PDB file of N, CA and C in Angstrom:
ATOM      1  N   UNK A   1     -57.920 -47.536 -36.382  1.00  0.00           N
ATOM      2  CA  UNK A   1     -57.006 -47.660 -35.259  1.00  0.00           C
ATOM      3  C   UNK A   1     -55.595 -47.820 -35.820  1.00  0.00           C
ATOM      4  N   UNK A   2     -54.681 -46.974 -35.373  1.00  0.00           N
ATOM      5  CA  UNK A   2     -53.297 -47.109 -35.823  1.00  0.00           C
ATOM      6  C   UNK A   2     -52.702 -48.448 -35.370  1.00  0.00           C
ATOM      7  N   UNK A   3     -51.726 -48.904 -36.102  1.00  0.00           N
ATOM      8  CA  UNK A   3     -51.091 -50.191 -35.806  1.00  0.00           C
ATOM      9  C   UNK A   3     -50.516 -50.205 -34.393  1.00  0.00           C
ATOM     10  N   UNK A   4     -49.889 -49.124 -33.975  1.00  0.00           N
ATOM     11  CA  UNK A   4     -49.290 -49.080 -32.637  1.00  0.00           C
ATOM     12  C   UNK A   4     -50.354 -49.233 -31.543  1.00  0.00           C
ATOM     13  N   UNK A   5     -51.520 -48.634 -31.744  1.00  0.00           N
ATOM     14  CA  UNK A   5     -52.614 -48.763 -30.772  1.00  0.00           C
ATOM     15  C   UNK A   5     -53.147 -50.191 -30.746  1.00  0.00           C
ATOM     16  N   UNK A   6     -53.242 -50.809 -31.908  1.00  0.00           N
ATOM     17  CA  UNK A   6     -53.717 -52.196 -31.981  1.00  0.00           C
ATOM     18  C   UNK A   6     -52.735 -53.129 -31.259  1.00  0.00           C
ATOM     19  N   UNK A   7     -51.442 -52.923 -31.482  1.00  0.00           N
ATOM     20  CA  UNK A   7     -50.421 -53.753 -30.821  1.00  0.00           C
ATOM     21  C   UNK A   7     -50.495 -53.563 -29.307  1.00  0.00           C
ATOM     22  N   UNK A   8     -50.609 -52.330 -28.863  1.00  0.00           N
ATOM     23  CA  UNK A   8     -50.714 -52.056 -27.422  1.00  0.00           C
ATOM     24  C   UNK A   8     -51.944 -52.744 -26.846  1.00  0.00           C
ATOM     25  N   UNK A   9     -53.062 -52.665 -27.551  1.00  0.00           N
ATOM     26  CA  UNK A   9     -54.293 -53.312 -27.099  1.00  0.00           C
ATOM     27  C   UNK A   9     -54.102 -54.830 -26.990  1.00  0.00           C
ATOM     28  N   UNK A  10     -53.455 -55.422 -27.976  1.00  0.00           N
ATOM     29  CA  UNK A  10     -53.220 -56.868 -27.949  1.00  0.00           C
ATOM     30  C   UNK A  10     -52.326 -57.264 -26.774  1.00  0.00           C
ATOM     31  N   UNK A  11     -51.289 -56.489 -26.518  1.00  0.00           N
ATOM     32  CA  UNK A  11     -50.394 -56.781 -25.398  1.00  0.00           C
ATOM     33  C   UNK A  11     -51.126 -56.659 -24.065  1.00  0.00           C
ATOM     34  N   UNK A  12     -51.959 -55.616 -23.921  1.00  0.00           N
ATOM     35  CA  UNK A  12     -52.742 -55.449 -22.695  1.00  0.00           C
ATOM     36  C   UNK A  12     -53.736 -56.593 -22.514  1.00  0.00           C
ATOM     37  N   UNK A  13     -54.355 -56.988 -23.588  1.00  0.00           N
ATOM     38  CA  UNK A  13     -55.330 -58.083 -23.506  1.00  0.00           C
ATOM     39  C   UNK A  13     -54.644 -59.391 -23.112  1.00  0.00           C
ATOM     40  N   UNK A  14     -53.484 -59.667 -23.670  1.00  0.00           N
ATOM     41  CA  UNK A  14     -52.742 -60.888 -23.302  1.00  0.00           C
ATOM     42  C   UNK A  14     -52.306 -60.831 -21.836  1.00  0.00           C
ATOM     43  N   UNK A  15     -51.870 -59.658 -21.374  1.00  0.00           N
ATOM     44  CA  UNK A  15     -51.498 -59.505 -19.966  1.00  0.00           C
ATOM     45  C   UNK A  15     -52.726 -59.718 -19.078  1.00  0.00           C
ATOM     46  N   UNK A  16     -53.867 -59.184 -19.490  1.00  0.00           N
ATOM     47  CA  UNK A  16     -55.109 -59.365 -18.724  1.00  0.00           C
ATOM     48  C   UNK A  16     -55.474 -60.840 -18.630  1.00  0.00           C
ATOM     49  N   UNK A  17     -55.339 -61.564 -19.737  1.00  0.00           N
ATOM     50  CA  UNK A  17     -55.638 -62.992 -19.722  1.00  0.00           C
ATOM     51  C   UNK A  17     -54.680 -63.749 -18.806  1.00  0.00           C
ATOM     52  N   UNK A  18     -53.404 -63.394 -18.849  1.00  0.00           N
ATOM     53  CA  UNK A  18     -52.433 -64.039 -17.952  1.00  0.00           C
ATOM     54  C   UNK A  18     -52.757 -63.760 -16.489  1.00  0.00           C
ATOM     55  N   UNK A  19     -53.185 -62.553 -16.187  1.00  0.00           N
ATOM     56  CA  UNK A  19     -53.514 -62.197 -14.808  1.00  0.00           C
ATOM     57  C   UNK A  19     -54.716 -62.987 -14.288  1.00  0.00           C
ATOM     58  N   UNK A  20     -55.610 -63.361 -15.176  1.00  0.00           N
ATOM     59  CA  UNK A  20     -56.797 -64.095 -14.745  1.00  0.00           C
ATOM     60  C   UNK A  20     -56.642 -65.607 -14.912  1.00  0.00           C
ATOM     61  N   UNK A  21     -55.510 -66.050 -15.421  1.00  0.00           N
ATOM     62  CA  UNK A  21     -55.268 -67.480 -15.623  1.00  0.00           C
ATOM     63  C   UNK A  21     -54.908 -68.138 -14.288  1.00  0.00           C
ATOM     64  N   UNK A  22     -55.654 -69.182 -13.888  1.00  0.00           N
ATOM     65  CA  UNK A  22     -55.412 -69.828 -12.595  1.00  0.00           C
ATOM     66  C   UNK A  22     -53.988 -70.348 -12.406  1.00  0.00           C
ATOM     67  N   UNK A  23     -53.341 -70.820 -13.420  1.00  0.00           N
ATOM     68  CA  UNK A  23     -51.995 -71.354 -13.269  1.00  0.00           C
ATOM     69  C   UNK A  23     -50.924 -70.302 -13.055  1.00  0.00           C
ATOM     70  N   UNK A  24     -51.264 -69.027 -13.247  1.00  0.00           N
ATOM     71  CA  UNK A  24     -50.275 -67.957 -13.133  1.00  0.00           C
ATOM     72  C   UNK A  24     -50.530 -67.021 -11.958  1.00  0.00           C
ATOM     73  N   UNK A  25     -51.363 -67.434 -11.003  1.00  0.00           N
ATOM     74  CA  UNK A  25     -51.677 -66.529  -9.891  1.00  0.00           C
ATOM     75  C   UNK A  25     -50.468 -66.209  -9.025  1.00  0.00           C
ATOM     76  N   UNK A  26     -49.455 -67.065  -9.043  1.00  0.00           N
ATOM     77  CA  UNK A  26     -48.260 -66.801  -8.241  1.00  0.00           C
ATOM     78  C   UNK A  26     -47.198 -66.008  -9.008  1.00  0.00           C
ATOM     79  N   UNK A  27     -47.386 -65.838 -10.307  1.00  0.00           N
ATOM     80  CA  UNK A  27     -46.399 -65.108 -11.113  1.00  0.00           C
ATOM     81  C   UNK A  27     -46.452 -63.621 -10.769  1.00  0.00           C
ATOM     82  N   UNK A  28     -45.315 -63.018 -10.474  1.00  0.00           N
ATOM     83  CA  UNK A  28     -45.307 -61.578 -10.182  1.00  0.00           C
ATOM     84  C   UNK A  28     -45.765 -60.775 -11.401  1.00  0.00           C
ATOM     85  N   UNK A  29     -46.410 -59.657 -11.135  1.00  0.00           N
ATOM     86  CA  UNK A  29     -46.915 -58.819 -12.229  1.00  0.00           C
ATOM     87  C   UNK A  29     -45.769 -58.356 -13.116  1.00  0.00           C
ATOM     88  N   UNK A  30     -44.591 -58.111 -12.543  1.00  0.00           N
ATOM     89  CA  UNK A  30     -43.477 -57.654 -13.382  1.00  0.00           C
ATOM     90  C   UNK A  30     -43.050 -58.729 -14.387  1.00  0.00           C
ATOM     91  N   UNK A  31     -43.223 -60.015 -14.046  1.00  0.00           N
ATOM     92  CA  UNK A  31     -42.924 -61.071 -15.017  1.00  0.00           C
ATOM     93  C   UNK A  31     -43.920 -61.060 -16.168  1.00  0.00           C
ATOM     94  N   UNK A  32     -45.181 -60.847 -15.850  1.00  0.00           N
ATOM     95  CA  UNK A  32     -46.207 -60.773 -16.898  1.00  0.00           C
ATOM     96  C   UNK A  32     -45.973 -59.540 -17.759  1.00  0.00           C
ATOM     97  N   UNK A  33     -45.603 -58.429 -17.129  1.00  0.00           N
ATOM     98  CA  UNK A  33     -45.299 -57.203 -17.884  1.00  0.00           C
ATOM     99  C   UNK A  33     -44.162 -57.449 -18.865  1.00  0.00           C
ATOM    100  N   UNK A  34     -43.115 -58.074 -18.388  1.00  0.00           N
ATOM    101  CA  UNK A  34     -41.961 -58.364 -19.237  1.00  0.00           C
ATOM    102  C   UNK A  34     -42.331 -59.322 -20.363  1.00  0.00           C
ATOM    103  N   UNK A  35     -43.125 -60.319 -20.041  1.00  0.00           N
ATOM    104  CA  UNK A  35     -43.535 -61.315 -21.036  1.00  0.00           C
ATOM    105  C   UNK A  35     -44.241 -60.678 -22.225  1.00  0.00           C
ATOM    106  N   UNK A  36     -45.022 -59.628 -21.967  1.00  0.00           N
ATOM    107  CA  UNK A  36     -45.788 -58.995 -23.035  1.00  0.00           C
ATOM    108  C   UNK A  36     -45.181 -57.688 -23.516  1.00  0.00           C
ATOM    109  N   UNK A  37     -43.899 -57.478 -23.235  1.00  0.00           N
ATOM    110  CA  UNK A  37     -43.164 -56.379 -23.852  1.00  0.00           C
ATOM    111  C   UNK A  37     -43.282 -55.035 -23.173  1.00  0.00           C
ATOM    112  N   UNK A  38     -43.760 -54.996 -21.941  1.00  0.00           N
ATOM    113  CA  UNK A  38     -43.803 -53.727 -21.227  1.00  0.00           C
ATOM    114  C   UNK A  38     -42.452 -53.486 -20.569  1.00  0.00           C
ATOM    115  N   UNK A  39     -42.060 -52.233 -20.516  1.00  0.00           N
ATOM    116  CA  UNK A  39     -40.748 -51.867 -19.991  1.00  0.00           C
ATOM    117  C   UNK A  39     -40.568 -52.319 -18.543  1.00  0.00           C
ATOM    118  N   UNK A  40     -41.621 -52.130 -17.744  1.00  0.00           N
ATOM    119  CA  UNK A  40     -41.564 -52.516 -16.334  1.00  0.00           C
ATOM    120  C   UNK A  40     -42.982 -52.629 -15.784  1.00  0.00           C
ATOM    121  N   UNK A  41     -43.068 -52.957 -14.506  1.00  0.00           N
ATOM    122  CA  UNK A  41     -44.354 -53.122 -13.828  1.00  0.00           C
ATOM    123  C   UNK A  41     -45.180 -51.840 -13.867  1.00  0.00           C
ATOM    124  N   UNK A  42     -44.528 -50.705 -13.653  1.00  0.00           N
ATOM    125  CA  UNK A  42     -45.244 -49.427 -13.613  1.00  0.00           C
ATOM    126  C   UNK A  42     -45.868 -49.079 -14.964  1.00  0.00           C
ATOM    127  N   UNK A  43     -45.164 -49.386 -16.049  1.00  0.00           N
ATOM    128  CA  UNK A  43     -45.694 -49.099 -17.375  1.00  0.00           C
ATOM    129  C   UNK A  43     -46.945 -49.922 -17.636  1.00  0.00           C
ATOM    130  N   UNK A  44     -46.891 -51.210 -17.293  1.00  0.00           N
ATOM    131  CA  UNK A  44     -48.078 -52.058 -17.439  1.00  0.00           C
ATOM    132  C   UNK A  44     -49.199 -51.554 -16.540  1.00  0.00           C
ATOM    133  N   UNK A  45     -48.893 -51.202 -15.309  1.00  0.00           N
ATOM    134  CA  UNK A  45     -49.925 -50.752 -14.363  1.00  0.00           C
ATOM    135  C   UNK A  45     -50.646 -49.506 -14.865  1.00  0.00           C
ATOM    136  N   UNK A  46     -49.897 -48.527 -15.363  1.00  0.00           N
ATOM    137  CA  UNK A  46     -50.517 -47.298 -15.877  1.00  0.00           C
ATOM    138  C   UNK A  46     -51.415 -47.591 -17.083  1.00  0.00           C
ATOM    139  N   UNK A  47     -50.900 -48.376 -18.028  1.00  0.00           N
ATOM    140  CA  UNK A  47     -51.682 -48.697 -19.224  1.00  0.00           C
ATOM    141  C   UNK A  47     -52.906 -49.541 -18.868  1.00  0.00           C
ATOM    142  N   UNK A  48     -52.724 -50.513 -17.976  1.00  0.00           N
ATOM    143  CA  UNK A  48     -53.811 -51.401 -17.580  1.00  0.00           C
ATOM    144  C   UNK A  48     -54.925 -50.613 -16.891  1.00  0.00           C
ATOM    145  N   UNK A  49     -54.529 -49.744 -15.960  1.00  0.00           N
ATOM    146  CA  UNK A  49     -55.520 -48.939 -15.232  1.00  0.00           C
ATOM    147  C   UNK A  49     -56.269 -47.996 -16.175  1.00  0.00           C
ATOM    148  N   UNK A  50     -55.575 -47.433 -17.142  1.00  0.00           N
ATOM    149  CA  UNK A  50     -56.239 -46.493 -18.064  1.00  0.00           C
ATOM    150  C   UNK A  50     -57.264 -47.193 -18.946  1.00  0.00           C
ATOM    151  N   UNK A  51     -57.029 -48.469 -19.282  1.00  0.00           N
ATOM    152  CA  UNK A  51     -57.956 -49.194 -20.152  1.00  0.00           C
ATOM    153  C   UNK A  51     -59.039 -49.919 -19.354  1.00  0.00           C
ATOM    154  N   UNK A  52     -58.660 -50.609 -18.278  1.00  0.00           N
ATOM    155  CA  UNK A  52     -59.597 -51.466 -17.547  1.00  0.00           C
ATOM    156  C   UNK A  52     -60.136 -50.841 -16.265  1.00  0.00           C
ATOM    157  N   UNK A  53     -59.561 -49.726 -15.819  1.00  0.00           N
ATOM    158  CA  UNK A  53     -60.075 -49.029 -14.649  1.00  0.00           C
ATOM    159  C   UNK A  53     -59.619 -49.569 -13.305  1.00  0.00           C
ATOM    160  N   UNK A  54     -58.823 -50.614 -13.302  1.00  0.00           N
ATOM    161  CA  UNK A  54     -58.286 -51.188 -12.061  1.00  0.00           C
ATOM    162  C   UNK A  54     -56.822 -51.531 -12.284  1.00  0.00           C
ATOM    163  N   UNK A  55     -56.032 -51.602 -11.216  1.00  0.00           N
ATOM    164  CA  UNK A  55     -54.632 -52.013 -11.390  1.00  0.00           C
ATOM    165  C   UNK A  55     -54.557 -53.511 -11.683  1.00  0.00           C
ATOM    166  N   UNK A  56     -53.469 -53.964 -12.267  1.00  0.00           N
ATOM    167  CA  UNK A  56     -53.336 -55.383 -12.603  1.00  0.00           C
ATOM    168  C   UNK A  56     -53.527 -56.317 -11.410  1.00  0.00           C
ATOM    169  N   UNK A  57     -53.044 -55.922 -10.244  1.00  0.00           N
ATOM    170  CA  UNK A  57     -53.169 -56.794  -9.078  1.00  0.00           C
ATOM    171  C   UNK A  57     -54.622 -56.997  -8.665  1.00  0.00           C
ATOM    172  N   UNK A  58     -55.487 -56.026  -8.917  1.00  0.00           N
ATOM    173  CA  UNK A  58     -56.901 -56.154  -8.581  1.00  0.00           C
ATOM    174  C   UNK A  58     -57.637 -57.060  -9.564  1.00  0.00           C
ATOM    175  N   UNK A  59     -57.022 -57.309 -10.703  1.00  0.00           N
ATOM    176  CA  UNK A  59     -57.667 -58.139 -11.727  1.00  0.00           C
ATOM    177  C   UNK A  59     -57.318 -59.618 -11.578  1.00  0.00           C
ATOM    178  N   UNK A  60     -56.420 -59.922 -10.684  1.00  0.00           N
ATOM    179  CA  UNK A  60     -56.026 -61.319 -10.480  1.00  0.00           C
ATOM    180  C   UNK A  60     -57.249 -62.185 -10.260  1.00  0.00           C
ATOM    181  N   UNK A  61     -57.134 -63.478 -10.597  1.00  0.00           N
ATOM    182  CA  UNK A  61     -58.255 -64.383 -10.372  1.00  0.00           C
ATOM    183  C   UNK A  61     -58.532 -64.470  -8.878  1.00  0.00           C
ATOM    184  N   UNK A  62     -59.805 -64.544  -8.488  1.00  0.00           N
ATOM    185  CA  UNK A  62     -60.138 -64.583  -7.064  1.00  0.00           C
ATOM    186  C   UNK A  62     -59.659 -65.882  -6.432  1.00  0.00           C
ATOM    187  N   UNK A  63     -59.441 -65.883  -5.116  1.00  0.00           N
ATOM    188  CA  UNK A  63     -59.010 -67.117  -4.459  1.00  0.00           C
ATOM    189  C   UNK A  63     -60.089 -68.187  -4.554  1.00  0.00           C
ATOM    190  N   UNK A  64     -59.682 -69.419  -4.448  1.00  0.00           N
ATOM    191  CA  UNK A  64     -60.640 -70.506  -4.466  1.00  0.00           C
ATOM    192  C   UNK A  64     -61.606 -70.356  -3.308  1.00  0.00           C
ATOM    193  N   UNK A  65     -62.819 -70.862  -3.486  1.00  0.00           N
ATOM    194  CA  UNK A  65     -63.838 -70.736  -2.447  1.00  0.00           C
ATOM    195  C   UNK A  65     -63.350 -71.332  -1.129  1.00  0.00           C
ATOM    196  N   UNK A  66     -62.622 -72.433  -1.202  1.00  0.00           N
ATOM    197  CA  UNK A  66     -62.139 -73.063   0.026  1.00  0.00           C
ATOM    198  C   UNK A  66     -61.128 -72.181   0.751  1.00  0.00           C
ATOM    199  N   UNK A  67     -60.390 -71.347   0.007  1.00  0.00           N
ATOM    200  CA  UNK A  67     -59.420 -70.452   0.626  1.00  0.00           C
ATOM    201  C   UNK A  67     -60.090 -69.182   1.135  1.00  0.00           C
ATOM    202  N   UNK A  68     -61.187 -68.767   0.496  1.00  0.00           N
ATOM    203  CA  UNK A  68     -61.849 -67.528   0.852  1.00  0.00           C
ATOM    204  C   UNK A  68     -62.805 -67.708   2.036  1.00  0.00           C
ATOM    205  N   UNK A  69     -63.265 -68.921   2.255  1.00  0.00           N
ATOM    206  CA  UNK A  69     -64.200 -69.175   3.335  1.00  0.00           C
ATOM    207  C   UNK A  69     -63.464 -69.205   4.661  1.00  0.00           C
ATOM    208  N   UNK A  70     -63.909 -68.402   5.624  1.00  0.00           N
ATOM    209  CA  UNK A  70     -63.229 -68.435   6.918  1.00  0.00           C
ATOM    210  C   UNK A  70     -63.442 -69.784   7.589  1.00  0.00           C
ATOM    211  N   UNK A  71     -62.432 -70.227   8.255  1.00  0.00           N
ATOM    212  CA  UNK A  71     -62.520 -71.508   8.944  1.00  0.00           C
ATOM    213  C   UNK A  71     -63.178 -71.277  10.299  1.00  0.00           C
ATOM    214  N   UNK A  72     -64.265 -71.983  10.544  1.00  0.00           N
ATOM    215  CA  UNK A  72     -64.993 -71.865  11.800  1.00  0.00           C
ATOM    216  C   UNK A  72     -64.540 -72.955  12.748  1.00  0.00           C
ATOM    217  N   UNK A  73     -64.474 -72.602  14.007  1.00  0.00           N
ATOM    218  CA  UNK A  73     -64.186 -73.619  15.011  1.00  0.00           C
ATOM    219  C   UNK A  73     -65.456 -74.421  15.242  1.00  0.00           C
ATOM    220  N   UNK A  74     -65.347 -75.717  15.491  1.00  0.00           N
ATOM    221  CA  UNK A  74     -66.541 -76.550  15.664  1.00  0.00           C
ATOM    222  C   UNK A  74     -67.515 -76.007  16.702  1.00  0.00           C
ATOM    223  N   UNK A  75     -67.027 -75.434  17.798  1.00  0.00           N
ATOM    224  CA  UNK A  75     -67.936 -74.953  18.824  1.00  0.00           C
ATOM    225  C   UNK A  75     -68.685 -73.695  18.388  1.00  0.00           C
ATOM    226  N   UNK A  76     -68.263 -73.041  17.296  1.00  0.00           N
ATOM    227  CA  UNK A  76     -68.935 -71.831  16.847  1.00  0.00           C
ATOM    228  C   UNK A  76     -69.918 -72.105  15.719  1.00  0.00           C
ATOM    229  N   UNK A  77     -70.075 -73.352  15.316  1.00  0.00           N
ATOM    230  CA  UNK A  77     -70.992 -73.670  14.231  1.00  0.00           C
ATOM    231  C   UNK A  77     -72.429 -73.421  14.662  1.00  0.00           C
ATOM    232  N   UNK A  78     -73.274 -72.919  13.758  1.00  0.00           N
ATOM    233  CA  UNK A  78     -74.678 -72.702  14.094  1.00  0.00           C
ATOM    234  C   UNK A  78     -75.315 -74.010  14.568  1.00  0.00           C
ATOM    235  N   UNK A  79     -76.091 -73.909  15.616  1.00  0.00           N
ATOM    236  CA  UNK A  79     -76.774 -75.087  16.140  1.00  0.00           C
ATOM    237  C   UNK A  79     -75.989 -75.803  17.221  1.00  0.00           C
ATOM    238  N   UNK A  80     -74.724 -75.457  17.405  1.00  0.00           N
ATOM    239  CA  UNK A  80     -73.946 -76.114  18.452  1.00  0.00           C
ATOM    240  C   UNK A  80     -74.377 -75.547  19.795  1.00  0.00           C
ATOM    241  N   UNK A  81     -74.085 -76.254  20.850  1.00  0.00           N
ATOM    242  CA  UNK A  81     -74.525 -75.811  22.173  1.00  0.00           C
ATOM    243  C   UNK A  81     -73.927 -74.454  22.536  1.00  0.00           C
ATOM    244  N   UNK A  82     -72.692 -74.188  22.145  1.00  0.00           N
ATOM    245  CA  UNK A  82     -72.064 -72.902  22.474  1.00  0.00           C
ATOM    246  C   UNK A  82     -72.725 -71.767  21.678  1.00  0.00           C
ATOM    247  N   UNK A  83     -73.030 -72.028  20.414  1.00  0.00           N
ATOM    248  CA  UNK A  83     -73.658 -70.992  19.600  1.00  0.00           C
ATOM    249  C   UNK A  83     -75.054 -70.667  20.123  1.00  0.00           C
ATOM    250  N   UNK A  84     -75.727 -71.639  20.714  1.00  0.00           N
ATOM    251  CA  UNK A  84     -77.068 -71.435  21.233  1.00  0.00           C
ATOM    252  C   UNK A  84     -77.064 -70.883  22.661  1.00  0.00           C
ATOM    253  N   UNK A  85     -75.906 -70.761  23.252  1.00  0.00           N
ATOM    254  CA  UNK A  85     -75.797 -70.240  24.606  1.00  0.00           C
ATOM    255  C   UNK A  85     -76.054 -71.282  25.681  1.00  0.00           C
ATOM    256  N   UNK A  86     -76.049 -72.549  25.298  1.00  0.00           N
ATOM    257  CA  UNK A  86     -76.274 -73.630  26.246  1.00  0.00           C
ATOM    258  C   UNK A  86     -74.912 -74.083  26.735  1.00  0.00           C
ATOM    259  N   UNK A  87     -74.753 -74.174  28.006  1.00  0.00           N
ATOM    260  CA  UNK A  87     -73.492 -74.627  28.584  1.00  0.00           C
ATOM    261  C   UNK A  87     -73.681 -75.991  29.221  1.00  0.00           C
ATOM    262  N   UNK A  88     -72.819 -76.897  28.873  1.00  0.00           N
ATOM    263  CA  UNK A  88     -72.864 -78.236  29.458  1.00  0.00           C
ATOM    264  C   UNK A  88     -72.079 -78.252  30.771  1.00  0.00           C
ATOM    265  N   UNK A  89     -72.537 -79.029  31.699  1.00  0.00           N
ATOM    266  CA  UNK A  89     -71.816 -79.170  32.970  1.00  0.00           C
ATOM    267  C   UNK A  89     -71.414 -80.592  33.171  1.00  0.00           C
TER     268      UNK A  89
END
């Protein structure tokens, strides 16, 4: 592997790690691109997609389970009178 390819691989890997790091989920992709020596967001996106098969934004760490779970209203909970079709008078 030529030195330039190895350096590019290392920069992409560091960017990938930053994208999946929980403390950096709010950091814009262009900041991560700049941090690892990419000219701009588009350059990182093209290189990232060619190596990993997805754009950098799709590789971000998933939201916390508490954020991903839809909030149910109490009357819609399974087993509640409304969910069972029972109406109180």
